[in-house]
């Protein structure tokens, strides 16, 4: 077992959290829209999932990813 705490792990970054929150909101909206038979909103939420993934990638490239220069890990 490694005791190196300088490794922040996989996906613990503002870029990853932002992407996950946007996609989780999209799935929630899509589920409710499906329940109420709002087809256009279901498809809009599918598109929002893609937007969340794209947003995470953009933020990662902008330096907010795990190894990005703008991301500073917390000391344990």
Protein backbone atom coordinates (compact mmCIF):
# COMPACT_ATOMS: atom_id res chain seq x y z
CA UNK A 1 0.00 0.00 0.00
CA UNK A 2 1.36 3.39 -0.99
CA UNK A 3 1.60 6.13 1.63
CA UNK A 4 2.43 8.89 -0.84
CA UNK A 5 -0.12 11.61 -0.08
CA UNK A 6 1.17 13.99 -2.73
CA UNK A 7 -0.82 12.06 -5.37
CA UNK A 8 -4.26 13.70 -5.39
CA UNK A 9 -5.92 10.63 -6.88
CA UNK A 10 -8.08 10.28 -9.92
CA UNK A 11 -10.60 12.99 -10.71
CA UNK A 12 -10.40 15.02 -7.52
CA UNK A 13 -10.24 18.37 -9.28
CA UNK A 14 -12.52 21.33 -9.96
CA UNK A 15 -12.79 20.23 -13.60
CA UNK A 16 -13.96 16.74 -12.66
CA UNK A 17 -16.37 17.91 -9.98
CA UNK A 18 -17.91 20.50 -12.29
CA UNK A 19 -18.39 17.93 -15.05
CA UNK A 20 -19.94 15.40 -12.67
CA UNK A 21 -22.32 17.92 -11.09
CA UNK A 22 -23.55 19.17 -14.49
CA UNK A 23 -24.04 15.63 -15.77
CA UNK A 24 -25.76 14.53 -12.56
CA UNK A 25 -28.18 17.46 -12.85
CA UNK A 26 -28.81 16.51 -16.48
CA UNK A 27 -29.64 12.92 -15.54
CA UNK A 28 -31.96 14.12 -12.79
CA UNK A 29 -33.75 16.53 -15.14
CA UNK A 30 -33.97 13.85 -17.81
CA UNK A 31 -35.46 11.34 -15.38
CA UNK A 32 -38.13 13.76 -14.20
CA UNK A 33 -38.85 14.79 -17.80
CA UNK A 34 -39.19 11.14 -18.80
CA UNK A 35 -41.60 10.57 -15.92
CA UNK A 36 -43.79 13.48 -17.12
CA UNK A 37 -43.45 12.45 -20.80
CA UNK A 38 -41.68 15.64 -21.86
CA UNK A 39 -39.74 14.26 -24.81
CA UNK A 40 -38.07 17.53 -25.78
CA UNK A 41 -36.72 17.96 -22.24
CA UNK A 42 -35.41 14.39 -22.18
CA UNK A 43 -33.40 15.10 -25.33
CA UNK A 44 -32.28 18.47 -23.96
CA UNK A 45 -30.94 16.70 -20.87
CA UNK A 46 -29.09 14.22 -23.09
CA UNK A 47 -27.45 17.20 -24.78
CA UNK A 48 -26.64 18.66 -21.34
CA UNK A 49 -24.74 15.47 -20.48
CA UNK A 50 -22.53 16.15 -23.49
CA UNK A 51 -22.12 19.76 -22.39
CA UNK A 52 -20.99 18.57 -18.96
CA UNK A 53 -18.38 16.26 -20.46
CA UNK A 54 -17.17 19.03 -22.76
CA UNK A 55 -17.04 21.49 -19.86
CA UNK A 56 -14.89 19.10 -17.83
CA UNK A 57 -12.50 18.67 -20.75
CA UNK A 58 -12.28 22.44 -21.33
CA UNK A 59 -11.61 23.14 -17.65
CA UNK A 60 -8.98 20.40 -17.59
CA UNK A 61 -7.23 21.95 -20.59
CA UNK A 62 -7.49 25.36 -18.92
CA UNK A 63 -5.43 24.09 -15.98
CA UNK A 64 -8.11 23.04 -13.49
CA UNK A 65 -7.51 19.29 -13.92
CA UNK A 66 -5.61 17.03 -11.51
CA UNK A 67 -2.20 17.86 -12.94
CA UNK A 68 -3.08 21.42 -14.01
CA UNK A 69 -1.13 24.46 -12.86
CA UNK A 70 -4.20 26.15 -11.33
CA UNK A 71 -5.14 23.16 -9.15
CA UNK A 72 -3.53 22.94 -5.72
CA UNK A 73 -4.06 19.81 -3.64
CA UNK A 74 -5.04 20.04 0.01
CA UNK A 75 -2.46 18.98 2.54
CA UNK A 76 -3.61 16.07 4.71
